[in-house]
C-alpha atoms as a PDB file:
ATOM      1  CA  UNK A   1      20.475  22.772  51.016  1.00  0.00           C
ATOM      2  CA  UNK A   2      21.425  19.346  49.694  1.00  0.00           C
ATOM      3  CA  UNK A   3      22.360  17.168  52.609  1.00  0.00           C
ATOM      4  CA  UNK A   4      22.829  13.446  53.166  1.00  0.00           C
ATOM      5  CA  UNK A   5      22.526  12.010  56.657  1.00  0.00           C
ATOM      6  CA  UNK A   6      23.443   8.408  57.480  1.00  0.00           C
ATOM      7  CA  UNK A   7      21.856   6.369  60.292  1.00  0.00           C
ATOM      8  CA  UNK A   8      24.151   3.316  60.241  1.00  0.00           C
ATOM      9  CA  UNK A   9      23.661   1.894  56.740  1.00  0.00           C
ATOM     10  CA  UNK A  10      20.531   3.972  56.116  1.00  0.00           C
ATOM     11  CA  UNK A  11      20.924   6.941  53.829  1.00  0.00           C
ATOM     12  CA  UNK A  12      18.446   9.791  54.101  1.00  0.00           C
ATOM     13  CA  UNK A  13      18.288  12.066  51.081  1.00  0.00           C
ATOM     14  CA  UNK A  14      17.394  15.654  51.906  1.00  0.00           C
ATOM     15  CA  UNK A  15      15.696  17.720  49.223  1.00  0.00           C
ATOM     16  CA  UNK A  16      16.915  20.984  47.777  1.00  0.00           C
ATOM     17  CA  UNK A  17      16.332  24.090  49.867  1.00  0.00           C
ATOM     18  CA  UNK A  18      12.977  25.822  49.627  1.00  0.00           C
ATOM     19  CA  UNK A  19      12.601  29.370  50.991  1.00  0.00           C
ATOM     20  CA  UNK A  20      11.123  29.241  54.494  1.00  0.00           C
ATOM     21  CA  UNK A  21      11.641  25.476  54.831  1.00  0.00           C
ATOM     22  CA  UNK A  22      13.945  24.011  57.499  1.00  0.00           C
ATOM     23  CA  UNK A  23      14.720  20.617  59.005  1.00  0.00           C
ATOM     24  CA  UNK A  24      13.964  19.404  62.500  1.00  0.00           C
ATOM     25  CA  UNK A  25      16.768  17.646  64.387  1.00  0.00           C
ATOM     26  CA  UNK A  26      16.337  15.335  67.370  1.00  0.00           C
ATOM     27  CA  UNK A  27      18.432  16.576  70.272  1.00  0.00           C
ATOM     28  CA  UNK A  28      20.764  14.294  72.213  1.00  0.00           C
ATOM     29  CA  UNK A  29      18.593  14.259  75.346  1.00  0.00           C
ATOM     30  CA  UNK A  30      15.544  13.163  73.372  1.00  0.00           C
ATOM     31  CA  UNK A  31      17.516  10.452  71.585  1.00  0.00           C
ATOM     32  CA  UNK A  32      18.780   9.078  74.908  1.00  0.00           C
ATOM     33  CA  UNK A  33      15.289   9.101  76.407  1.00  0.00           C
ATOM     34  CA  UNK A  34      13.844   7.463  73.304  1.00  0.00           C
ATOM     35  CA  UNK A  35      16.360   4.638  73.564  1.00  0.00           C
ATOM     36  CA  UNK A  36      15.199   4.035  77.146  1.00  0.00           C
ATOM     37  CA  UNK A  37      11.509   4.248  76.215  1.00  0.00           C
ATOM     38  CA  UNK A  38      11.953   1.642  73.492  1.00  0.00           C
ATOM     39  CA  UNK A  39      13.161  -0.832  76.127  1.00  0.00           C
ATOM     40  CA  UNK A  40      10.503   0.165  78.650  1.00  0.00           C
ATOM     41  CA  UNK A  41       7.970  -2.141  80.329  1.00  0.00           C
ATOM     42  CA  UNK A  42       5.019  -0.315  78.743  1.00  0.00           C
ATOM     43  CA  UNK A  43       5.853  -1.970  75.404  1.00  0.00           C
ATOM     44  CA  UNK A  44       4.722  -5.520  74.766  1.00  0.00           C
ATOM     45  CA  UNK A  45       7.235  -8.152  73.704  1.00  0.00           C
ATOM     46  CA  UNK A  46       5.371  -8.522  70.415  1.00  0.00           C
ATOM     47  CA  UNK A  47       5.656  -4.825  69.663  1.00  0.00           C
ATOM     48  CA  UNK A  48       9.344  -4.747  70.545  1.00  0.00           C
ATOM     49  CA  UNK A  49       9.891  -7.691  68.187  1.00  0.00           C
ATOM     50  CA  UNK A  50       8.649  -5.553  65.293  1.00  0.00           C
ATOM     51  CA  UNK A  51      11.258  -2.825  65.812  1.00  0.00           C
ATOM     52  CA  UNK A  52      13.444  -4.471  63.184  1.00  0.00           C
ATOM     53  CA  UNK A  53      10.688  -3.766  60.636  1.00  0.00           C
ATOM     54  CA  UNK A  54       9.234  -0.495  61.908  1.00  0.00           C
ATOM     55  CA  UNK A  55      12.528   1.166  62.997  1.00  0.00           C
ATOM     56  CA  UNK A  56      11.019   3.531  65.589  1.00  0.00           C
ATOM     57  CA  UNK A  57      14.329   5.048  66.702  1.00  0.00           C
ATOM     58  CA  UNK A  58      15.512   5.807  63.187  1.00  0.00           C
ATOM     59  CA  UNK A  59      12.074   6.929  62.008  1.00  0.00           C
ATOM     60  CA  UNK A  60      11.454   9.377  64.843  1.00  0.00           C
ATOM     61  CA  UNK A  61      15.009  10.664  64.565  1.00  0.00           C
ATOM     62  CA  UNK A  62      14.488  11.254  60.857  1.00  0.00           C
ATOM     63  CA  UNK A  63      11.301  13.193  61.572  1.00  0.00           C
ATOM     64  CA  UNK A  64      13.157  15.295  64.148  1.00  0.00           C
ATOM     65  CA  UNK A  65      10.882  14.578  67.107  1.00  0.00           C
ATOM     66  CA  UNK A  66      11.919  16.331  70.312  1.00  0.00           C
ATOM     67  CA  UNK A  67      10.558  15.583  73.765  1.00  0.00           C
ATOM     68  CA  UNK A  68       9.457  19.190  74.419  1.00  0.00           C
ATOM     69  CA  UNK A  69       7.229  19.304  71.317  1.00  0.00           C
ATOM     70  CA  UNK A  70       3.473  19.042  71.054  1.00  0.00           C
ATOM     71  CA  UNK A  71       3.076  15.923  68.907  1.00  0.00           C
ATOM     72  CA  UNK A  72      -0.181  14.560  67.501  1.00  0.00           C
ATOM     73  CA  UNK A  73      -0.456  10.945  66.371  1.00  0.00           C
ATOM     74  CA  UNK A  74      -3.262  10.250  63.905  1.00  0.00           C
ATOM     75  CA  UNK A  75      -5.492   7.203  64.407  1.00  0.00           C
ATOM     76  CA  UNK A  76      -3.256   5.310  66.856  1.00  0.00           C
ATOM     77  CA  UNK A  77      -5.614   2.274  66.876  1.00  0.00           C
ATOM     78  CA  UNK A  78      -4.004  -0.364  69.134  1.00  0.00           C
ATOM     79  CA  UNK A  79      -1.248   2.078  70.106  1.00  0.00           C
ATOM     80  CA  UNK A  80       1.954   0.616  68.689  1.00  0.00           C
ATOM     81  CA  UNK A  81       3.560   4.055  68.354  1.00  0.00           C
ATOM     82  CA  UNK A  82       1.596   5.468  71.275  1.00  0.00           C
ATOM     83  CA  UNK A  83       3.618   3.166  73.552  1.00  0.00           C
ATOM     84  CA  UNK A  84       6.688   5.058  72.350  1.00  0.00           C
ATOM     85  CA  UNK A  85       5.505   8.621  71.818  1.00  0.00           C
ATOM     86  CA  UNK A  86       3.371   9.100  74.935  1.00  0.00           C
ATOM     87  CA  UNK A  87       6.138   8.341  77.475  1.00  0.00           C
ATOM     88  CA  UNK A  88       8.663  10.211  75.329  1.00  0.00           C
ATOM     89  CA  UNK A  89       6.628  13.433  75.496  1.00  0.00           C
ATOM     90  CA  UNK A  90       5.211  12.891  78.996  1.00  0.00           C
ATOM     91  CA  UNK A  91       7.525  15.038  81.145  1.00  0.00           C
ATOM     92  CA  UNK A  92       8.291  18.065  78.997  1.00  0.00           C
ATOM     93  CA  UNK A  93       6.026  17.972  75.941  1.00  0.00           C
ATOM     94  CA  UNK A  94       2.454  17.157  74.965  1.00  0.00           C
ATOM     95  CA  UNK A  95       1.164  14.056  73.228  1.00  0.00           C
ATOM     96  CA  UNK A  96      -2.228  14.055  71.508  1.00  0.00           C
ATOM     97  CA  UNK A  97      -3.884  10.880  70.256  1.00  0.00           C
ATOM     98  CA  UNK A  98      -6.223  11.954  67.435  1.00  0.00           C
ATOM     99  CA  UNK A  99      -8.656   9.057  67.431  1.00  0.00           C
ATOM    100  CA  UNK A 100     -11.953   7.923  65.907  1.00  0.00           C
ATOM    101  CA  UNK A 101     -15.313   9.409  66.845  1.00  0.00           C
ATOM    102  CA  UNK A 102     -16.843   7.007  69.405  1.00  0.00           C
ATOM    103  CA  UNK A 103     -20.301   8.205  68.385  1.00  0.00           C
ATOM    104  CA  UNK A 104     -19.818   7.151  64.769  1.00  0.00           C
ATOM    105  CA  UNK A 105     -20.371   3.411  65.135  1.00  0.00           C
ATOM    106  CA  UNK A 106     -20.065   0.499  67.527  1.00  0.00           C
ATOM    107  CA  UNK A 107     -16.739  -0.421  65.934  1.00  0.00           C
ATOM    108  CA  UNK A 108     -15.328   3.090  66.326  1.00  0.00           C
ATOM    109  CA  UNK A 109     -16.544   3.230  69.928  1.00  0.00           C
ATOM    110  CA  UNK A 110     -14.822  -0.067  70.695  1.00  0.00           C
ATOM    111  CA  UNK A 111     -11.510   1.112  69.220  1.00  0.00           C
ATOM    112  CA  UNK A 112     -11.607   4.312  71.280  1.00  0.00           C
ATOM    113  CA  UNK A 113     -12.544   2.435  74.436  1.00  0.00           C
ATOM    114  CA  UNK A 114      -9.697  -0.031  73.893  1.00  0.00           C
ATOM    115  CA  UNK A 115      -7.148   2.761  73.585  1.00  0.00           C
ATOM    116  CA  UNK A 116      -8.493   4.603  76.622  1.00  0.00           C
ATOM    117  CA  UNK A 117      -8.414   1.387  78.657  1.00  0.00           C
ATOM    118  CA  UNK A 118      -4.784   0.893  77.645  1.00  0.00           C
ATOM    119  CA  UNK A 119      -3.916   4.426  78.746  1.00  0.00           C
ATOM    120  CA  UNK A 120      -5.814   4.219  82.028  1.00  0.00           C
ATOM    121  CA  UNK A 121      -4.191   0.889  82.928  1.00  0.00           C
ATOM    122  CA  UNK A 122      -0.708   2.445  82.986  1.00  0.00           C
ATOM    123  CA  UNK A 123      -0.788   5.973  84.433  1.00  0.00           C
ATOM    124  CA  UNK A 124       2.967   5.879  84.991  1.00  0.00           C
ATOM    125  CA  UNK A 125       3.488   6.228  81.249  1.00  0.00           C
ATOM    126  CA  UNK A 126       0.161   7.526  79.894  1.00  0.00           C
ATOM    127  CA  UNK A 127      -1.386   9.860  82.482  1.00  0.00           C
ATOM    128  CA  UNK A 128      -0.599  12.972  80.438  1.00  0.00           C
ATOM    129  CA  UNK A 129      -2.013  11.773  77.101  1.00  0.00           C
ATOM    130  CA  UNK A 130      -4.649  14.000  75.548  1.00  0.00           C
ATOM    131  CA  UNK A 131      -7.231  12.220  73.391  1.00  0.00           C
ATOM    132  CA  UNK A 132      -8.962  14.136  70.594  1.00  0.00           C
ATOM    133  CA  UNK A 133     -11.343  13.245  67.790  1.00  0.00           C
ATOM    134  CA  UNK A 134     -10.337  13.381  64.123  1.00  0.00           C
ATOM    135  CA  UNK A 135     -13.024  11.716  62.055  1.00  0.00           C
ATOM    136  CA  UNK A 136     -14.122  13.302  58.776  1.00  0.00           C
ATOM    137  CA  UNK A 137     -17.018  10.869  58.363  1.00  0.00           C
ATOM    138  CA  UNK A 138     -18.760  12.752  61.194  1.00  0.00           C
ATOM    139  CA  UNK A 139     -17.248  16.134  60.277  1.00  0.00           C
ATOM    140  CA  UNK A 140     -15.056  16.246  63.370  1.00  0.00           C
ATOM    141  CA  UNK A 141     -11.762  17.639  62.146  1.00  0.00           C
ATOM    142  CA  UNK A 142     -10.392  19.644  65.081  1.00  0.00           C
ATOM    143  CA  UNK A 143      -8.574  17.319  67.521  1.00  0.00           C
ATOM    144  CA  UNK A 144      -6.467  20.261  68.732  1.00  0.00           C
ATOM    145  CA  UNK A 145      -6.694  24.057  68.503  1.00  0.00           C
ATOM    146  CA  UNK A 146      -5.595  25.569  65.203  1.00  0.00           C
ATOM    147  CA  UNK A 147      -1.894  26.384  65.094  1.00  0.00           C
ATOM    148  CA  UNK A 148      -1.090  24.573  68.359  1.00  0.00           C
ATOM    149  CA  UNK A 149       0.845  21.461  67.261  1.00  0.00           C
ATOM    150  CA  UNK A 150       4.557  21.178  66.418  1.00  0.00           C
ATOM    151  CA  UNK A 151       4.411  17.815  64.637  1.00  0.00           C
ATOM    152  CA  UNK A 152       1.716  15.514  63.237  1.00  0.00           C
ATOM    153  CA  UNK A 153       2.631  11.860  62.684  1.00  0.00           C
ATOM    154  CA  UNK A 154       0.658   9.268  60.743  1.00  0.00           C
ATOM    155  CA  UNK A 155       1.696   5.672  60.281  1.00  0.00           C
ATOM    156  CA  UNK A 156       0.139   3.552  57.501  1.00  0.00           C
ATOM    157  CA  UNK A 157      -3.167   5.380  57.354  1.00  0.00           C
ATOM    158  CA  UNK A 158      -3.463   6.981  53.926  1.00  0.00           C
ATOM    159  CA  UNK A 159      -4.986   3.852  52.372  1.00  0.00           C
ATOM    160  CA  UNK A 160      -7.709   3.935  55.035  1.00  0.00           C
ATOM    161  CA  UNK A 161      -8.661   7.480  54.079  1.00  0.00           C
ATOM    162  CA  UNK A 162      -8.571   6.714  50.360  1.00  0.00           C
ATOM    163  CA  UNK A 163     -11.213   4.017  50.783  1.00  0.00           C
ATOM    164  CA  UNK A 164     -13.693   6.886  51.328  1.00  0.00           C
ATOM    165  CA  UNK A 165     -11.826   9.638  49.459  1.00  0.00           C
ATOM    166  CA  UNK A 166     -11.069  11.430  52.722  1.00  0.00           C
ATOM    167  CA  UNK A 167      -7.360  12.081  52.244  1.00  0.00           C
ATOM    168  CA  UNK A 168      -7.995  15.713  51.293  1.00  0.00           C
ATOM    169  CA  UNK A 169      -9.937  16.346  54.501  1.00  0.00           C
ATOM    170  CA  UNK A 170      -7.296  14.654  56.622  1.00  0.00           C
ATOM    171  CA  UNK A 171      -4.294  16.480  55.192  1.00  0.00           C
ATOM    172  CA  UNK A 172      -6.181  19.788  55.430  1.00  0.00           C
ATOM    173  CA  UNK A 173      -6.906  19.104  59.114  1.00  0.00           C
ATOM    174  CA  UNK A 174      -3.204  18.457  59.776  1.00  0.00           C
ATOM    175  CA  UNK A 175      -2.318  21.730  58.114  1.00  0.00           C
ATOM    176  CA  UNK A 176      -4.818  23.583  60.293  1.00  0.00           C
ATOM    177  CA  UNK A 177      -3.659  22.207  63.669  1.00  0.00           C
ATOM    178  CA  UNK A 178       0.045  22.690  62.922  1.00  0.00           C
ATOM    179  CA  UNK A 179       1.916  25.812  63.864  1.00  0.00           C
ATOM    180  CA  UNK A 180       3.544  27.739  61.013  1.00  0.00           C
ATOM    181  CA  UNK A 181       6.800  25.874  60.430  1.00  0.00           C
ATOM    182  CA  UNK A 182       5.364  22.673  61.956  1.00  0.00           C
ATOM    183  CA  UNK A 183       6.066  19.224  60.533  1.00  0.00           C
ATOM    184  CA  UNK A 184       4.110  16.294  59.159  1.00  0.00           C
ATOM    185  CA  UNK A 185       5.730  12.842  59.224  1.00  0.00           C
ATOM    186  CA  UNK A 186       4.210  10.105  57.056  1.00  0.00           C
ATOM    187  CA  UNK A 187       4.853   6.363  56.760  1.00  0.00           C
ATOM    188  CA  UNK A 188       2.790   4.277  54.334  1.00  0.00           C
ATOM    189  CA  UNK A 189       2.838   0.982  52.408  1.00  0.00           C
ATOM    190  CA  UNK A 190       4.453   1.796  49.039  1.00  0.00           C
ATOM    191  CA  UNK A 191       2.750   0.779  45.786  1.00  0.00           C
ATOM    192  CA  UNK A 192       4.522   0.026  42.540  1.00  0.00           C
ATOM    193  CA  UNK A 193       5.198   2.991  40.281  1.00  0.00           C
ATOM    194  CA  UNK A 194       4.529   1.100  37.037  1.00  0.00           C
ATOM    195  CA  UNK A 195       0.846   0.620  37.841  1.00  0.00           C
ATOM    196  CA  UNK A 196      -1.893   3.231  38.210  1.00  0.00           C
ATOM    197  CA  UNK A 197      -3.003   4.122  41.710  1.00  0.00           C
ATOM    198  CA  UNK A 198      -6.183   2.381  42.766  1.00  0.00           C
ATOM    199  CA  UNK A 199      -8.233   5.351  44.046  1.00  0.00           C
ATOM    200  CA  UNK A 200      -9.570   3.182  46.871  1.00  0.00           C
ATOM    201  CA  UNK A 201      -6.166   1.618  47.697  1.00  0.00           C
ATOM    202  CA  UNK A 202      -7.921  -1.717  48.271  1.00  0.00           C
ATOM    203  CA  UNK A 203      -4.587  -3.566  48.491  1.00  0.00           C
ATOM    204  CA  UNK A 204      -3.322  -1.210  51.212  1.00  0.00           C
ATOM    205  CA  UNK A 205      -0.538   0.074  48.955  1.00  0.00           C
ATOM    206  CA  UNK A 206      -0.221   3.759  48.006  1.00  0.00           C
ATOM    207  CA  UNK A 207       2.032   5.288  45.386  1.00  0.00           C
ATOM    208  CA  UNK A 208       4.574   7.635  46.907  1.00  0.00           C
ATOM    209  CA  UNK A 209       3.903  10.319  44.320  1.00  0.00           C
ATOM    210  CA  UNK A 210       0.177  10.129  45.130  1.00  0.00           C
ATOM    211  CA  UNK A 211       0.855  10.732  48.821  1.00  0.00           C
ATOM    212  CA  UNK A 212       3.174  13.650  48.067  1.00  0.00           C
ATOM    213  CA  UNK A 213       0.592  15.240  45.782  1.00  0.00           C
ATOM    214  CA  UNK A 214      -2.125  14.881  48.429  1.00  0.00           C
ATOM    215  CA  UNK A 215       0.017  16.574  51.084  1.00  0.00           C
ATOM    216  CA  UNK A 216       1.115  19.328  48.724  1.00  0.00           C
ATOM    217  CA  UNK A 217      -2.487  19.992  47.728  1.00  0.00           C
ATOM    218  CA  UNK A 218      -3.136  20.876  51.377  1.00  0.00           C
ATOM    219  CA  UNK A 219      -0.238  23.362  51.353  1.00  0.00           C
ATOM    220  CA  UNK A 220       2.639  21.254  52.690  1.00  0.00           C
ATOM    221  CA  UNK A 221       6.162  21.333  51.285  1.00  0.00           C
ATOM    222  CA  UNK A 222       8.132  18.108  50.990  1.00  0.00           C
ATOM    223  CA  UNK A 223      11.342  18.424  53.011  1.00  0.00           C
ATOM    224  CA  UNK A 224      12.898  14.965  52.954  1.00  0.00           C
ATOM    225  CA  UNK A 225      12.483  11.309  52.019  1.00  0.00           C
ATOM    226  CA  UNK A 226      13.933   8.246  53.728  1.00  0.00           C
ATOM    227  CA  UNK A 227      14.330   4.570  52.893  1.00  0.00           C
ATOM    228  CA  UNK A 228      14.444   3.651  56.596  1.00  0.00           C
ATOM    229  CA  UNK A 229      11.285   1.555  56.248  1.00  0.00           C
ATOM    230  CA  UNK A 230      11.963   0.078  52.810  1.00  0.00           C
ATOM    231  CA  UNK A 231      11.548  -3.687  52.316  1.00  0.00           C
ATOM    232  CA  UNK A 232      12.925  -4.737  48.901  1.00  0.00           C
ATOM    233  CA  UNK A 233      11.582  -8.300  49.134  1.00  0.00           C
ATOM    234  CA  UNK A 234       7.988  -7.086  49.100  1.00  0.00           C
ATOM    235  CA  UNK A 235       6.627  -7.810  45.593  1.00  0.00           C
ATOM    236  CA  UNK A 236       3.316  -6.034  46.354  1.00  0.00           C
ATOM    237  CA  UNK A 237       1.247  -8.518  44.346  1.00  0.00           C
ATOM    238  CA  UNK A 238      -0.285 -10.585  47.146  1.00  0.00           C
ATOM    239  CA  UNK A 239      -3.779 -12.059  46.997  1.00  0.00           C
ATOM    240  CA  UNK A 240      -4.813 -10.350  50.240  1.00  0.00           C
ATOM    241  CA  UNK A 241      -2.872  -7.182  49.589  1.00  0.00           C
ATOM    242  CA  UNK A 242      -0.516  -5.913  52.241  1.00  0.00           C
ATOM    243  CA  UNK A 243      -2.432  -7.939  54.844  1.00  0.00           C
ATOM    244  CA  UNK A 244      -1.015 -11.141  53.369  1.00  0.00           C
ATOM    245  CA  UNK A 245       2.272 -10.236  55.033  1.00  0.00           C
ATOM    246  CA  UNK A 246       3.250 -10.417  58.694  1.00  0.00           C
ATOM    247  CA  UNK A 247       2.067  -9.597  61.224  1.00  0.00           C
ATOM    248  CA  UNK A 248      -1.479 -10.003  59.825  1.00  0.00           C
ATOM    249  CA  UNK A 249      -1.165 -13.167  57.677  1.00  0.00           C
ATOM    250  CA  UNK A 250      -4.714 -12.696  56.412  1.00  0.00           C
ATOM    251  CA  UNK A 251      -4.410 -15.790  54.239  1.00  0.00           C
ATOM    252  CA  UNK A 252      -3.803 -17.988  57.267  1.00  0.00           C
ATOM    253  CA  UNK A 253      -1.448 -20.856  56.525  1.00  0.00           C
ATOM    254  CA  UNK A 254      -1.603 -20.372  52.743  1.00  0.00           C
ATOM    255  CA  UNK A 255       1.911 -19.418  51.591  1.00  0.00           C
ATOM    256  CA  UNK A 256       2.750 -18.448  55.153  1.00  0.00           C
ATOM    257  CA  UNK A 257       6.399 -19.475  54.826  1.00  0.00           C
ATOM    258  CA  UNK A 258       6.735 -17.341  51.697  1.00  0.00           C
ATOM    259  CA  UNK A 259       5.248 -14.307  53.396  1.00  0.00           C
ATOM    260  CA  UNK A 260       7.391 -14.820  56.484  1.00  0.00           C
ATOM    261  CA  UNK A 261      10.478 -14.814  54.263  1.00  0.00           C
ATOM    262  CA  UNK A 262       9.349 -11.549  52.658  1.00  0.00           C
ATOM    263  CA  UNK A 263       8.711  -9.906  56.013  1.00  0.00           C
ATOM    264  CA  UNK A 264       6.684  -6.756  56.569  1.00  0.00           C
ATOM    265  CA  UNK A 265       5.702  -4.384  53.766  1.00  0.00           C
ATOM    266  CA  UNK A 266       7.805  -1.960  51.784  1.00  0.00           C
ATOM    267  CA  UNK A 267       7.085   1.558  53.096  1.00  0.00           C
ATOM    268  CA  UNK A 268       7.962   5.088  52.170  1.00  0.00           C
ATOM    269  CA  UNK A 269       8.831   7.622  54.869  1.00  0.00           C
ATOM    270  CA  UNK A 270       8.277  11.306  54.130  1.00  0.00           C
ATOM    271  CA  UNK A 271       8.741  14.560  56.034  1.00  0.00           C
ATOM    272  CA  UNK A 272       6.707  17.656  55.136  1.00  0.00           C
ATOM    273  CA  UNK A 273       6.588  21.131  56.598  1.00  0.00           C
ATOM    274  CA  UNK A 274       3.902  23.773  56.857  1.00  0.00           C
ATOM    275  CA  UNK A 275       5.649  26.905  55.607  1.00  0.00           C
ATOM    276  CA  UNK A 276       6.324  29.611  58.153  1.00  0.00           C
ATOM    277  CA  UNK A 277       3.986  32.551  57.712  1.00  0.00           C
END
């Protein structure tokens, strides 16, 4: 199966067929609901303003999210994608926020409390969210029952796991919670290919081949790649790593105009599947 799908000017290259591997496709009803959710009042103006960089409609369509699925988002933090996924799955599916362990540290507790406060403040959109714990530092790796999830999604998290060499534990946990035939969608800041991968990913950038190898080591098969979240202006050589760029601007006013002109980071977008048993 060699297939090319176009979302406007975005070309998605599908990989050659692998026995037992299939593609997910977003149905028309889900796409229509997603379009409404993206304009909904539960999303802040600041988050909506970043759609031109994060491409939530195109990204979730590429992954093949459907509203009747059980979808688990990994480490949602402030909830940028939670604002989209939770109301999308609310009526006919299940949304699981796999969060930090609040018992691990004061910082982790605060992050979990912030997310729960956000959910509790808007029951119209978030009353059906299930919150689990996925935190290898405290050996809590079962945010959902084994084989119960249709799709796991993680957005710009691999570098966080690499800082403590936890990527193997995380990918293995995704494999466990997914149903046979379930999907893993990954977005991450993309490192240059002409430089070795920093094992700690201190700059926030991760080589695409490194991420693929980590997922495959857990048993996943790569199904498709997309350039939906590419940003060609990103030179990836910034003094404060990826956090030099918007929206973080870690360097403050230093070179701010330059970083604004670059925009947000260059990112790879990958779809994997757990083979059907």
